[in-house]
Amino acid sequence: MPMNYQEFRARADETALSLTRSSENWTAFLTTAARLYKYPYHEQLMIYSQRPDATACAEYDVWNKRMGRYVKRGSKGIMLAGEQGTRYVFDVSDTGIREKSRPFKLWEYSEEYDSVLQAMFSEQYGADGSILFNMVHDAAYKSALAA
């Protein structure tokens, strides 16, 4: 039986509270949120509360029309509710490929990207350092001070 909006909202609120109960919970959420960086926080939270293992989500038409993939029969959509109403997205694991599907590969970090990322953090954020982690930290700190 599908959840109604009030039940769904209560579940999302409980998930938000549970994130701060332990560093493991927070880290697990951040792992999911990092994979779904194009979604705003409240939608990342909704996705995490329903499918914490989600890696790449999109609406049915994006998978079907733009990517040329199909959503597998019996797949359960991830409900997103907001100001525009309710919509559903599906994880890439819910899809299958067709002969003419567009290639799909999740981006993964590699150390070969360090120099490009360091240059970007230096140029765009004035971040200092020679270690990428420190530059990200410096950029976040400077951005927070500017806000």
N, C-alpha and C. Protein backbone atom coordinates (compact mmCIF):
# COMPACT_ATOMS: atom_id res chain seq x y z
N MET A 1 0.84 -1.18 0.00
CA MET A 1 0.00 0.00 0.00
C MET A 1 0.89 1.24 0.00
N PRO A 2 0.69 2.17 -0.94
CA PRO A 2 1.52 3.36 -1.00
C PRO A 2 1.30 4.28 0.20
N MET A 3 2.37 4.99 0.55
CA MET A 3 2.29 5.94 1.65
C MET A 3 1.55 7.19 1.20
N ASN A 4 0.78 7.78 2.12
CA ASN A 4 0.21 9.08 1.81
C ASN A 4 1.24 10.15 2.17
N TYR A 5 0.97 11.38 1.80
CA TYR A 5 1.94 12.45 1.98
C TYR A 5 2.31 12.66 3.45
N GLN A 6 1.33 12.59 4.36
CA GLN A 6 1.60 12.82 5.78
C GLN A 6 2.52 11.73 6.34
N GLU A 7 2.26 10.48 5.97
CA GLU A 7 3.12 9.38 6.42
C GLU A 7 4.53 9.55 5.86
N PHE A 8 4.59 9.93 4.62
CA PHE A 8 5.87 10.14 3.97
C PHE A 8 6.65 11.26 4.64
N ARG A 9 5.99 12.37 4.92
CA ARG A 9 6.62 13.52 5.56
C ARG A 9 7.14 13.15 6.96
N ALA A 10 6.34 12.37 7.72
CA ALA A 10 6.76 11.93 9.04
C ALA A 10 8.01 11.06 8.94
N ARG A 11 8.06 10.20 7.94
CA ARG A 11 9.24 9.35 7.74
C ARG A 11 10.47 10.19 7.40
N ALA A 12 10.30 11.18 6.55
CA ALA A 12 11.41 12.05 6.19
C ALA A 12 11.90 12.84 7.40
N ASP A 13 10.97 13.33 8.22
CA ASP A 13 11.35 14.07 9.43
C ASP A 13 12.12 13.18 10.40
N GLU A 14 11.67 11.95 10.57
CA GLU A 14 12.37 11.01 11.45
C GLU A 14 13.77 10.71 10.90
N THR A 15 13.88 10.58 9.59
CA THR A 15 15.19 10.35 8.98
C THR A 15 16.12 11.52 9.27
N ALA A 16 15.62 12.74 9.12
CA ALA A 16 16.43 13.93 9.38
C ALA A 16 16.93 13.93 10.82
N LEU A 17 16.07 13.57 11.77
CA LEU A 17 16.49 13.52 13.17
C LEU A 17 17.52 12.42 13.41
N SER A 18 17.35 11.29 12.74
CA SER A 18 18.27 10.17 12.96
C SER A 18 19.68 10.45 12.44
N LEU A 19 19.81 11.38 11.50
CA LEU A 19 21.12 11.69 10.94
C LEU A 19 22.08 12.22 11.98
N THR A 20 21.57 12.95 12.95
CA THR A 20 22.43 13.57 13.95
C THR A 20 22.66 12.70 15.18
N ARG A 21 22.11 11.52 15.18
CA ARG A 21 22.26 10.64 16.34
C ARG A 21 23.62 9.96 16.41
N SER A 22 24.27 9.84 15.25
CA SER A 22 25.61 9.23 15.26
C SER A 22 26.39 9.69 14.04
N SER A 23 27.69 9.62 14.15
CA SER A 23 28.53 10.01 13.01
C SER A 23 28.36 9.01 11.87
N GLU A 24 28.06 7.75 12.19
CA GLU A 24 27.84 6.75 11.15
C GLU A 24 26.61 7.09 10.31
N ASN A 25 25.53 7.51 10.98
CA ASN A 25 24.32 7.90 10.26
C ASN A 25 24.60 9.09 9.34
N TRP A 26 25.30 10.08 9.88
CA TRP A 26 25.59 11.29 9.10
C TRP A 26 26.49 10.94 7.92
N THR A 27 27.48 10.11 8.14
CA THR A 27 28.39 9.72 7.05
C THR A 27 27.65 8.93 5.98
N ALA A 28 26.74 8.07 6.38
CA ALA A 28 25.96 7.29 5.42
C ALA A 28 25.10 8.23 4.56
N PHE A 29 24.48 9.21 5.20
CA PHE A 29 23.69 10.17 4.43
C PHE A 29 24.57 10.96 3.48
N LEU A 30 25.72 11.43 3.94
CA LEU A 30 26.61 12.21 3.08
C LEU A 30 27.09 11.40 1.88
N THR A 31 27.28 10.11 2.07
CA THR A 31 27.68 9.25 0.96
C THR A 31 26.59 9.23 -0.11
N THR A 32 25.34 9.08 0.33
CA THR A 32 24.22 9.11 -0.62
C THR A 32 24.08 10.48 -1.25
N ALA A 33 24.15 11.53 -0.43
CA ALA A 33 23.98 12.90 -0.93
C ALA A 33 25.07 13.25 -1.95
N ALA A 34 26.28 12.76 -1.75
CA ALA A 34 27.37 13.06 -2.68
C ALA A 34 27.09 12.46 -4.05
N ARG A 35 26.46 11.31 -4.09
CA ARG A 35 26.12 10.70 -5.37
C ARG A 35 24.97 11.42 -6.05
N LEU A 36 24.15 12.09 -5.27
CA LEU A 36 22.95 12.75 -5.78
C LEU A 36 23.06 14.27 -5.64
N TYR A 37 24.22 14.79 -5.98
CA TYR A 37 24.53 16.20 -5.76
C TYR A 37 23.65 17.17 -6.54
N LYS A 38 22.98 16.72 -7.57
CA LYS A 38 22.13 17.62 -8.36
C LYS A 38 20.78 17.88 -7.70
N TYR A 39 20.46 17.11 -6.68
CA TYR A 39 19.20 17.28 -5.98
C TYR A 39 19.38 18.19 -4.77
N PRO A 40 18.37 19.01 -4.45
CA PRO A 40 18.47 19.82 -3.24
C PRO A 40 18.41 18.94 -1.99
N TYR A 41 18.83 19.50 -0.87
CA TYR A 41 18.93 18.75 0.38
C TYR A 41 17.65 17.98 0.72
N HIS A 42 16.49 18.64 0.65
CA HIS A 42 15.26 17.97 1.07
C HIS A 42 14.96 16.76 0.18
N GLU A 43 15.33 16.81 -1.09
CA GLU A 43 15.13 15.65 -1.96
C GLU A 43 16.18 14.58 -1.71
N GLN A 44 17.41 15.00 -1.41
CA GLN A 44 18.43 14.01 -1.03
C GLN A 44 17.97 13.25 0.21
N LEU A 45 17.40 13.99 1.14
CA LEU A 45 16.90 13.38 2.37
C LEU A 45 15.77 12.39 2.07
N MET A 46 14.88 12.76 1.18
CA MET A 46 13.77 11.88 0.82
C MET A 46 14.27 10.63 0.12
N ILE A 47 15.24 10.80 -0.77
CA ILE A 47 15.82 9.63 -1.45
C ILE A 47 16.50 8.72 -0.44
N TYR A 48 17.30 9.32 0.45
CA TYR A 48 18.01 8.53 1.46
C TYR A 48 17.04 7.77 2.36
N SER A 49 15.93 8.39 2.73
CA SER A 49 14.99 7.73 3.64
C SER A 49 14.33 6.52 2.99
N GLN A 50 14.24 6.50 1.66
CA GLN A 50 13.59 5.40 0.96
C GLN A 50 14.58 4.41 0.35
N ARG A 51 15.69 4.93 -0.17
CA ARG A 51 16.68 4.09 -0.85
C ARG A 51 18.09 4.59 -0.57
N PRO A 52 18.62 4.32 0.61
CA PRO A 52 19.94 4.85 0.97
C PRO A 52 21.06 4.36 0.04
N ASP A 53 20.81 3.30 -0.71
CA ASP A 53 21.83 2.77 -1.62
C ASP A 53 21.72 3.36 -3.03
N ALA A 54 20.83 4.33 -3.24
CA ALA A 54 20.64 4.92 -4.57
C ALA A 54 21.94 5.57 -5.04
N THR A 55 22.21 5.43 -6.33
CA THR A 55 23.46 5.98 -6.88
C THR A 55 23.23 7.06 -7.92
N ALA A 56 22.21 6.93 -8.74
CA ALA A 56 21.91 7.91 -9.78
C ALA A 56 20.42 7.85 -10.05
N CYS A 57 19.72 8.93 -9.72
CA CYS A 57 18.26 8.94 -9.85
C CYS A 57 17.81 9.92 -10.92
N ALA A 58 16.74 9.56 -11.58
CA ALA A 58 16.12 10.43 -12.58
C ALA A 58 14.67 10.01 -12.73
N GLU A 59 13.88 10.91 -13.30
CA GLU A 59 12.48 10.60 -13.55
C GLU A 59 12.36 9.59 -14.69
N TYR A 60 11.22 8.97 -14.76
CA TYR A 60 10.95 7.92 -15.76
C TYR A 60 11.29 8.39 -17.17
N ASP A 61 10.80 9.58 -17.55
CA ASP A 61 11.02 10.06 -18.91
C ASP A 61 12.48 10.31 -19.23
N VAL A 62 13.27 10.70 -18.23
CA VAL A 62 14.70 10.90 -18.47
C VAL A 62 15.35 9.56 -18.81
N TRP A 63 15.06 8.54 -18.01
CA TRP A 63 15.64 7.22 -18.30
C TRP A 63 15.15 6.71 -19.65
N ASN A 64 13.86 6.85 -19.90
CA ASN A 64 13.26 6.27 -21.10
C ASN A 64 13.62 7.04 -22.36
N LYS A 65 13.38 8.34 -22.38
CA LYS A 65 13.55 9.13 -23.61
C LYS A 65 14.98 9.62 -23.82
N ARG A 66 15.57 10.23 -22.81
CA ARG A 66 16.89 10.82 -22.99
C ARG A 66 18.01 9.78 -22.95
N MET A 67 17.90 8.83 -22.04
CA MET A 67 18.97 7.83 -21.88
C MET A 67 18.72 6.56 -22.69
N GLY A 68 17.49 6.39 -23.18
CA GLY A 68 17.19 5.21 -23.97
C GLY A 68 17.15 3.93 -23.15
N ARG A 69 17.00 4.06 -21.84
CA ARG A 69 16.92 2.91 -20.95
C ARG A 69 15.44 2.68 -20.61
N TYR A 70 15.15 1.53 -20.08
CA TYR A 70 13.78 1.27 -19.63
C TYR A 70 13.78 1.03 -18.13
N VAL A 71 12.69 1.39 -17.49
CA VAL A 71 12.52 1.12 -16.06
C VAL A 71 11.95 -0.28 -15.95
N LYS A 72 12.62 -1.13 -15.21
CA LYS A 72 12.24 -2.54 -15.09
C LYS A 72 10.85 -2.68 -14.46
N ARG A 73 10.13 -3.64 -14.96
CA ARG A 73 8.79 -3.95 -14.45
C ARG A 73 8.90 -4.27 -12.95
N GLY A 74 7.99 -3.69 -12.19
CA GLY A 74 7.95 -3.94 -10.75
C GLY A 74 8.84 -3.02 -9.93
N SER A 75 9.60 -2.15 -10.58
CA SER A 75 10.46 -1.22 -9.84
C SER A 75 9.61 -0.23 -9.09
N LYS A 76 10.02 0.06 -7.88
CA LYS A 76 9.28 0.99 -7.05
C LYS A 76 9.95 2.36 -7.12
N GLY A 77 9.20 3.37 -7.53
CA GLY A 77 9.74 4.72 -7.62
C GLY A 77 10.03 5.30 -6.25
N ILE A 78 10.93 6.26 -6.22
CA ILE A 78 11.28 6.98 -5.01
C ILE A 78 10.46 8.27 -5.02
N MET A 79 9.60 8.42 -4.02
CA MET A 79 8.69 9.56 -3.98
C MET A 79 9.42 10.82 -3.52
N LEU A 80 9.26 11.88 -4.30
CA LEU A 80 9.78 13.19 -3.93
C LEU A 80 8.59 14.13 -3.85
N ALA A 81 8.44 14.81 -2.74
CA ALA A 81 7.32 15.72 -2.57
C ALA A 81 7.87 17.10 -2.26
N GLY A 82 7.31 18.09 -2.91
CA GLY A 82 7.75 19.45 -2.69
C GLY A 82 6.70 20.45 -3.11
N GLU A 83 7.15 21.68 -3.31
CA GLU A 83 6.24 22.75 -3.67
C GLU A 83 5.54 22.49 -5.00
N GLN A 84 6.22 21.81 -5.92
CA GLN A 84 5.62 21.52 -7.23
C GLN A 84 4.72 20.29 -7.20
N GLY A 85 4.56 19.66 -6.06
CA GLY A 85 3.74 18.47 -5.96
C GLY A 85 4.59 17.23 -5.76
N THR A 86 4.00 16.09 -6.04
CA THR A 86 4.67 14.81 -5.85
C THR A 86 5.14 14.27 -7.19
N ARG A 87 6.35 13.76 -7.20
CA ARG A 87 6.89 13.11 -8.39
C ARG A 87 7.72 11.91 -7.94
N TYR A 88 8.05 11.07 -8.89
CA TYR A 88 8.81 9.86 -8.59
C TYR A 88 10.06 9.81 -9.45
N VAL A 89 11.14 9.34 -8.84
CA VAL A 89 12.38 9.10 -9.57
C VAL A 89 12.76 7.64 -9.39
N PHE A 90 13.61 7.16 -10.28
CA PHE A 90 14.07 5.77 -10.23
C PHE A 90 15.58 5.77 -10.24
N ASP A 91 16.15 4.85 -9.50
CA ASP A 91 17.60 4.70 -9.47
C ASP A 91 18.05 3.95 -10.72
N VAL A 92 19.30 4.15 -11.10
CA VAL A 92 19.84 3.46 -12.27
C VAL A 92 19.72 1.94 -12.12
N SER A 93 19.78 1.45 -10.89
CA SER A 93 19.65 0.00 -10.67
C SER A 93 18.26 -0.51 -11.02
N ASP A 94 17.28 0.41 -11.14
CA ASP A 94 15.93 0.05 -11.54
C ASP A 94 15.76 0.02 -13.05
N THR A 95 16.83 0.29 -13.79
CA THR A 95 16.72 0.40 -15.24
C THR A 95 17.50 -0.70 -15.94
N GLY A 96 17.14 -0.91 -17.19
CA GLY A 96 17.86 -1.86 -18.03
C GLY A 96 18.24 -1.17 -19.33
N ILE A 97 19.19 -1.77 -20.04
CA ILE A 97 19.65 -1.15 -21.27
C ILE A 97 18.96 -1.76 -22.49
N ARG A 98 18.89 -0.94 -23.50
CA ARG A 98 18.38 -1.37 -24.80
C ARG A 98 19.54 -1.30 -25.78
N GLU A 99 19.29 -1.75 -26.98
CA GLU A 99 20.33 -1.75 -28.01
C GLU A 99 20.87 -0.34 -28.26
N LYS A 100 20.00 0.67 -28.23
CA LYS A 100 20.42 2.03 -28.55
C LYS A 100 20.48 2.93 -27.31
N SER A 101 20.68 2.34 -26.14
CA SER A 101 20.79 3.14 -24.92
C SER A 101 22.07 3.97 -24.95
N ARG A 102 21.98 5.17 -24.38
CA ARG A 102 23.18 5.98 -24.24
C ARG A 102 24.07 5.35 -23.18
N PRO A 103 25.38 5.45 -23.36
CA PRO A 103 26.28 4.88 -22.35
C PRO A 103 26.09 5.59 -21.00
N PHE A 104 26.17 4.84 -19.94
CA PHE A 104 26.01 5.40 -18.60
C PHE A 104 27.14 4.89 -17.73
N LYS A 105 27.88 5.82 -17.17
CA LYS A 105 28.96 5.46 -16.26
C LYS A 105 28.99 6.47 -15.14
N LEU A 106 28.97 5.98 -13.91
CA LEU A 106 29.06 6.87 -12.76
C LEU A 106 30.46 7.45 -12.68
N TRP A 107 30.55 8.74 -12.38
CA TRP A 107 31.84 9.38 -12.22
C TRP A 107 32.46 8.90 -10.92
N GLU A 108 33.73 8.61 -10.97
CA GLU A 108 34.46 8.22 -9.78
C GLU A 108 35.71 9.06 -9.68
N TYR A 109 36.06 9.42 -8.45
CA TYR A 109 37.25 10.23 -8.22
C TYR A 109 38.51 9.39 -8.48
N SER A 110 39.48 10.04 -9.06
CA SER A 110 40.78 9.43 -9.28
C SER A 110 41.84 10.49 -8.99
N GLU A 111 42.98 10.09 -8.47
CA GLU A 111 44.04 11.04 -8.14
C GLU A 111 44.52 11.82 -9.35
N GLU A 112 44.30 11.32 -10.54
CA GLU A 112 44.70 12.05 -11.74
C GLU A 112 43.95 13.37 -11.90
N TYR A 113 42.82 13.52 -11.19
CA TYR A 113 42.04 14.76 -11.25
C TYR A 113 42.55 15.83 -10.29
N ASP A 114 43.46 15.47 -9.38
CA ASP A 114 43.91 16.39 -8.35
C ASP A 114 44.37 17.74 -8.90
N SER A 115 45.23 17.72 -9.91
CA SER A 115 45.79 18.99 -10.39
C SER A 115 44.72 19.90 -10.98
N VAL A 116 43.76 19.33 -11.70
CA VAL A 116 42.68 20.13 -12.28
C VAL A 116 41.79 20.69 -11.17
N LEU A 117 41.45 19.86 -10.19
CA LEU A 117 40.62 20.32 -9.09
C LEU A 117 41.33 21.36 -8.23
N GLN A 118 42.61 21.16 -7.99
CA GLN A 118 43.38 22.14 -7.21
C GLN A 118 43.40 23.49 -7.91
N ALA A 119 43.60 23.50 -9.22
CA ALA A 119 43.60 24.74 -9.99
C ALA A 119 42.24 25.42 -9.91
N MET A 120 41.16 24.64 -10.01
CA MET A 120 39.81 25.19 -9.94
C MET A 120 39.54 25.80 -8.57
N PHE A 121 39.90 25.09 -7.49
CA PHE A 121 39.67 25.62 -6.14
C PHE A 121 40.51 26.87 -5.89
N SER A 122 41.69 26.89 -6.42
CA SER A 122 42.55 28.07 -6.28
C SER A 122 41.98 29.26 -7.04
N GLU A 123 41.57 29.03 -8.28
CA GLU A 123 41.06 30.11 -9.13
C GLU A 123 39.70 30.62 -8.68
N GLN A 124 38.77 29.71 -8.42
CA GLN A 124 37.40 30.12 -8.13
C GLN A 124 37.17 30.53 -6.67
N TYR A 125 37.94 29.93 -5.75
CA TYR A 125 37.68 30.18 -4.34
C TYR A 125 38.87 30.79 -3.61
N GLY A 126 39.99 30.96 -4.30
CA GLY A 126 41.18 31.49 -3.64
C GLY A 126 41.72 30.56 -2.58
N ALA A 127 41.47 29.27 -2.74
CA ALA A 127 41.90 28.28 -1.76
C ALA A 127 43.41 28.09 -1.84
N ASP A 128 44.03 27.98 -0.67
CA ASP A 128 45.47 27.79 -0.59
C ASP A 128 45.80 26.35 -0.24
N GLY A 129 46.97 25.92 -0.64
CA GLY A 129 47.45 24.61 -0.26
C GLY A 129 47.88 23.77 -1.44
N SER A 130 48.47 22.64 -1.12
CA SER A 130 48.91 21.72 -2.16
C SER A 130 48.24 20.36 -2.03
N ILE A 131 47.43 20.19 -1.00
CA ILE A 131 46.70 18.95 -0.79
C ILE A 131 45.22 19.24 -1.03
N LEU A 132 44.60 18.47 -1.89
CA LEU A 132 43.22 18.73 -2.30
C LEU A 132 42.27 18.83 -1.11
N PHE A 133 42.37 17.92 -0.15
CA PHE A 133 41.48 17.96 1.01
C PHE A 133 41.57 19.30 1.71
N ASN A 134 42.79 19.79 1.91
CA ASN A 134 42.98 21.08 2.59
C ASN A 134 42.41 22.23 1.77
N MET A 135 42.51 22.12 0.44
CA MET A 135 41.97 23.18 -0.42
C MET A 135 40.44 23.20 -0.37
N VAL A 136 39.83 22.03 -0.33
CA VAL A 136 38.37 21.96 -0.21
C VAL A 136 37.95 22.58 1.12
N HIS A 137 38.64 22.24 2.17
CA HIS A 137 38.35 22.80 3.49
C HIS A 137 38.51 24.32 3.48
N ASP A 138 39.59 24.82 2.89
CA ASP A 138 39.84 26.26 2.82
C ASP A 138 38.75 26.96 2.00
N ALA A 139 38.36 26.35 0.89
CA ALA A 139 37.31 26.94 0.04
C ALA A 139 35.98 26.99 0.80
N ALA A 140 35.65 25.93 1.51
CA ALA A 140 34.40 25.90 2.29
C ALA A 140 34.43 26.96 3.39
N TYR A 141 35.57 27.08 4.05
CA TYR A 141 35.72 28.06 5.13
C TYR A 141 35.55 29.47 4.59
N LYS A 142 36.22 29.78 3.49
CA LYS A 142 36.14 31.12 2.89
C LYS A 142 34.73 31.40 2.37
N SER A 143 34.07 30.39 1.83
CA SER A 143 32.70 30.57 1.33
C SER A 143 31.74 30.84 2.50
N ALA A 144 31.94 30.14 3.61
CA ALA A 144 31.09 30.34 4.77
C ALA A 144 31.28 31.75 5.36
N LEU A 145 32.50 32.24 5.37
CA LEU A 145 32.76 33.58 5.87
C LEU A 145 32.13 34.65 4.97
N ALA A 146 32.10 34.38 3.68
CA ALA A 146 31.56 35.34 2.72
C ALA A 146 30.03 35.39 2.75
N ALA A 147 29.41 34.34 3.25
CA ALA A 147 27.94 34.26 3.22
C ALA A 147 27.27 35.08 4.27
